[in-house]
Amino acid sequence: MNIQEIYRPILTHFRRQRLKLFYSYFNQLSESTRLLDIGGGLFFWNLAKTQGFKLPQVTIVNIYPNRDELPENFTWVVADGKKLPFDDESFDIAFCNSVIEHVGDWEAQNIFAQEIKRIAPNYFVQTPSQSFPIEPHLLAPFIHWLPKDTQRPLLRNFTGWGIITRPTREECEQMLQELKLLTRSEMSELFPDSKIEVEKSWGLEKSLIAIKKSQ
């Protein structure tokens, strides 16, 4: 079984909820709205279309090249989210879904957040909460609460990700270096001018969403 087959139903469920929240805040969004999706892809916006939401002019920035045919109002740019190749406020809205936890350590996350705030006066930034007991990338309970050195020998044989994908030692190390889940206070520190929305599952804090909408 591919790990994406496990993720897909879960992703679809929560992203439908996230779509409603996003469009409730940005209800004046139109086809002329310039939106930068940092680290994203077509999945979220294809889902938006099936739900009957208006699509803006979407520019997707990703470190990987696109392999799909892009709709007419989409542009794909290969770039690093920590150094976006755009002028200040080139976009109306910056959108980022489940990416900031992948950019590295706290310093890297600060740089990433500064770029989001630089590029647009409005933003919507979601990330899994560090306080949720199940680590969503590794599919394992409590492991993200352990020190990195303690996590290292557990990744391959004691997490859902490790058992399903059978990563190499190098891939395990890359995952360790890449991932840093954030707390609510850390999100508030990164995005001090935002409202932090909490997405819950089983009554627990599953995700955090920093939202800024300019008046």
Protein backbone atom coordinates (compact mmCIF):
# COMPACT_ATOMS: atom_id res chain seq x y z
CA MET A 1 0.00 0.00 0.00
CA ASN A 2 1.24 3.50 -0.91
CA ILE A 3 1.26 6.02 1.95
CA GLN A 4 -0.60 8.50 -0.26
CA GLU A 5 -3.53 6.09 -0.36
CA ILE A 6 -3.79 6.42 3.40
CA TYR A 7 -3.41 10.21 3.40
CA ARG A 8 -5.85 10.99 0.58
CA PRO A 9 -9.21 10.47 2.36
CA ILE A 10 -7.90 12.28 5.46
CA LEU A 11 -6.51 15.16 3.39
CA THR A 12 -9.75 15.52 1.46
CA HIS A 13 -11.88 15.62 4.62
CA PHE A 14 -9.86 18.29 6.39
CA ARG A 15 -9.17 20.35 3.28
CA ARG A 16 -12.90 20.60 2.58
CA GLN A 17 -13.25 22.15 6.04
CA ARG A 18 -10.23 24.38 5.39
CA LEU A 19 -11.71 25.54 2.08
CA LYS A 20 -14.85 26.73 3.85
CA LEU A 21 -12.77 28.61 6.40
CA PHE A 22 -10.55 30.18 3.73
CA TYR A 23 -13.49 31.36 1.62
CA SER A 24 -15.38 32.60 4.69
CA TYR A 25 -12.49 34.99 5.38
CA PHE A 26 -11.78 35.91 1.77
CA ASN A 27 -15.35 36.05 0.54
CA GLN A 28 -14.62 38.89 -1.89
CA LEU A 29 -12.14 36.74 -3.80
CA SER A 30 -12.62 36.89 -7.57
CA GLU A 31 -10.99 35.71 -10.79
CA SER A 32 -8.81 38.83 -10.71
CA THR A 33 -7.47 38.15 -7.18
CA ARG A 34 -3.74 37.37 -7.29
CA LEU A 35 -2.95 34.45 -4.98
CA LEU A 36 0.43 32.88 -4.30
CA ASP A 37 0.29 29.26 -3.13
CA ILE A 38 3.64 28.55 -1.48
CA GLY A 39 4.63 24.89 -1.59
CA GLY A 40 1.27 23.78 -2.88
CA GLY A 41 -0.14 22.06 -5.94
CA LEU A 42 -3.37 21.56 -7.84
CA PHE A 43 -5.09 19.27 -5.32
CA PHE A 44 -6.49 22.01 -3.07
CA TRP A 45 -7.72 24.16 -5.96
CA ASN A 46 -9.23 21.26 -7.88
CA LEU A 47 -11.14 20.45 -4.69
CA ALA A 48 -12.24 24.09 -4.44
CA LYS A 49 -13.57 23.93 -7.98
CA THR A 50 -15.58 20.76 -7.29
CA GLN A 51 -17.07 22.48 -4.23
CA GLY A 52 -18.25 25.40 -6.36
CA PHE A 53 -15.81 28.05 -5.07
CA LYS A 54 -14.44 30.80 -7.31
CA LEU A 55 -10.82 30.35 -8.27
CA PRO A 56 -8.41 33.30 -8.22
CA GLN A 57 -5.36 33.78 -10.41
CA VAL A 58 -3.11 31.21 -8.74
CA THR A 59 0.67 31.19 -8.87
CA ILE A 60 2.09 28.03 -7.30
CA VAL A 61 5.66 28.11 -5.99
CA ASN A 62 7.24 24.74 -5.36
CA ILE A 63 10.76 23.33 -5.26
CA TYR A 64 9.54 20.58 -7.61
CA PRO A 65 8.52 21.12 -11.26
CA ASN A 66 4.93 20.59 -12.31
CA ARG A 67 4.02 17.32 -14.02
CA ASP A 68 0.34 18.07 -14.74
CA GLU A 69 -1.40 20.24 -17.28
CA LEU A 70 -2.17 23.59 -15.66
CA PRO A 71 -5.60 25.23 -15.90
CA GLU A 72 -5.78 28.56 -17.70
CA ASN A 73 -5.59 30.74 -14.57
CA PHE A 74 -2.62 28.88 -13.01
CA THR A 75 1.12 29.51 -13.16
CA TRP A 76 3.84 27.26 -11.73
CA VAL A 77 7.19 28.65 -10.56
CA VAL A 78 10.07 26.49 -9.31
CA ALA A 79 11.60 28.37 -6.36
CA ASP A 80 12.44 28.17 -2.67
CA GLY A 81 9.78 29.58 -0.34
CA LYS A 82 12.52 31.07 1.82
CA LYS A 83 13.62 33.26 -1.10
CA LEU A 84 10.62 34.07 -3.25
CA PRO A 85 11.44 35.61 -6.66
CA PHE A 86 8.79 38.34 -6.42
CA ASP A 87 8.66 41.99 -5.37
CA ASP A 88 6.99 43.07 -2.13
CA GLU A 89 3.18 42.73 -2.18
CA SER A 90 3.16 41.24 -5.67
CA PHE A 91 0.08 39.26 -4.64
CA ASP A 92 -3.20 39.97 -2.86
CA ILE A 93 -3.16 36.78 -0.77
CA ALA A 94 -0.40 34.37 0.27
CA PHE A 95 -1.64 30.83 0.86
CA CYS A 96 0.37 28.07 2.49
CA ASN A 97 -0.98 24.68 3.54
CA SER A 98 1.09 22.16 5.54
CA VAL A 99 4.47 23.49 4.37
CA ILE A 100 6.08 25.64 7.07
CA GLU A 101 6.73 22.57 9.24
CA HIS A 102 8.89 21.16 6.41
CA VAL A 103 11.36 24.01 5.91
CA GLY A 104 13.80 23.11 8.70
CA ASP A 105 14.66 24.66 12.04
CA TRP A 106 13.23 27.69 13.81
CA GLU A 107 15.54 30.09 11.97
CA ALA A 108 14.42 28.73 8.59
CA GLN A 109 10.77 28.96 9.65
CA ASN A 110 11.30 32.61 10.60
CA ILE A 111 12.74 33.37 7.16
CA PHE A 112 9.87 31.52 5.50
CA ALA A 113 7.29 33.47 7.53
CA GLN A 114 8.96 36.79 6.69
CA GLU A 115 8.68 35.98 2.99
CA ILE A 116 4.97 35.18 3.35
CA LYS A 117 4.36 38.52 5.11
CA ARG A 118 6.47 40.38 2.55
CA ILE A 119 4.77 39.01 -0.53
CA ALA A 120 1.12 39.87 0.27
CA PRO A 121 -0.91 41.99 2.71
CA ASN A 122 -3.22 39.03 3.40
CA TYR A 123 -2.31 35.47 4.20
CA PHE A 124 -3.65 32.06 5.21
CA VAL A 125 -0.99 29.74 6.67
CA GLN A 126 -1.86 26.29 8.02
CA THR A 127 0.37 23.81 9.85
CA PRO A 128 -0.19 20.66 11.96
CA SER A 129 -0.14 21.39 15.67
CA GLN A 130 2.75 20.11 17.75
CA SER A 131 0.32 19.38 20.57
CA PHE A 132 -1.69 16.77 18.60
CA PRO A 133 -0.63 13.30 19.84
CA ILE A 134 -0.28 11.70 16.38
CA GLU A 135 2.53 12.94 14.13
CA PRO A 136 0.75 13.23 10.74
CA HIS A 137 3.80 12.74 8.50
CA LEU A 138 5.17 9.72 10.36
CA LEU A 139 1.78 8.22 11.28
CA ALA A 140 2.93 7.50 14.81
CA PRO A 141 1.76 8.64 18.25
CA PHE A 142 3.92 10.81 20.53
CA ILE A 143 7.15 10.39 18.54
CA HIS A 144 7.40 14.12 17.73
CA TRP A 145 7.48 14.89 21.46
CA LEU A 146 10.77 12.99 21.77
CA PRO A 147 14.25 14.44 21.14
CA LYS A 148 15.53 13.99 17.59
CA ASP A 149 18.23 11.57 18.74
CA THR A 150 15.55 9.38 20.31
CA GLN A 151 13.35 9.55 17.21
CA ARG A 152 16.15 8.52 14.83
CA PRO A 153 16.28 4.74 15.58
CA LEU A 154 12.46 4.55 15.67
CA LEU A 155 11.65 6.03 12.27
CA ARG A 156 12.10 3.00 10.02
CA ASN A 157 10.47 0.23 12.06
CA PHE A 158 8.19 1.93 14.58
CA THR A 159 6.25 4.48 12.52
CA GLY A 160 3.59 4.02 9.86
CA TRP A 161 5.71 6.03 7.42
CA GLY A 162 8.74 3.81 8.00
CA ILE A 163 6.87 0.52 7.77
CA ILE A 164 5.04 1.50 4.58
CA THR A 165 7.79 3.31 2.66
CA ARG A 166 10.90 1.50 4.03
CA PRO A 167 13.07 4.63 3.84
CA THR A 168 16.84 4.52 3.64
CA ARG A 169 19.01 5.85 6.48
CA GLU A 170 19.56 9.01 4.42
CA GLU A 171 15.82 9.48 3.91
CA CYS A 172 15.22 9.05 7.64
CA GLU A 173 17.85 11.68 8.38
CA GLN A 174 16.35 14.06 5.84
CA MET A 175 12.92 13.65 7.44
CA LEU A 176 14.38 14.41 10.87
CA GLN A 177 16.17 17.52 9.65
CA GLU A 178 13.20 18.75 7.65
CA LEU A 179 10.35 18.42 10.13
CA LYS A 180 9.60 20.82 12.96
CA LEU A 181 6.01 21.03 14.15
CA LEU A 182 4.91 24.31 15.71
CA THR A 183 3.01 25.23 18.86
CA ARG A 184 0.28 27.85 19.01
CA SER A 185 2.61 30.31 20.73
CA GLU A 186 5.27 29.77 18.06
CA MET A 187 2.75 30.42 15.29
CA SER A 188 1.71 33.61 17.06
CA GLU A 189 5.35 34.65 17.27
CA LEU A 190 5.92 33.99 13.57
CA PHE A 191 2.71 35.77 12.56
CA PRO A 192 2.05 38.36 15.30
CA ASP A 193 -0.45 40.36 13.22
CA SER A 194 -2.64 37.34 12.50
CA LYS A 195 -5.61 35.59 14.05
CA ILE A 196 -4.81 31.98 14.96
CA GLU A 197 -7.65 29.61 14.12
CA VAL A 198 -7.57 26.13 15.66
CA GLU A 199 -8.65 23.08 13.68
CA LYS A 200 -9.73 20.24 15.97
CA SER A 201 -10.04 16.48 15.71
CA TRP A 202 -11.45 14.30 18.51
CA GLY A 203 -11.67 17.53 20.50
CA LEU A 204 -7.90 18.03 20.29
CA GLU A 205 -5.88 20.77 18.62
CA LYS A 206 -4.97 19.19 15.29
CA SER A 207 -3.91 22.16 13.15
CA LEU A 208 -3.14 25.84 13.50
CA ILE A 209 -4.05 28.45 10.89
CA ALA A 210 -2.60 31.96 10.94
CA ILE A 211 -4.92 34.31 9.05
CA LYS A 212 -4.47 37.97 8.24
CA LYS A 213 -7.09 39.88 6.27
CA SER A 214 -6.35 43.53 5.65
CA GLN A 215 -9.22 45.95 6.04
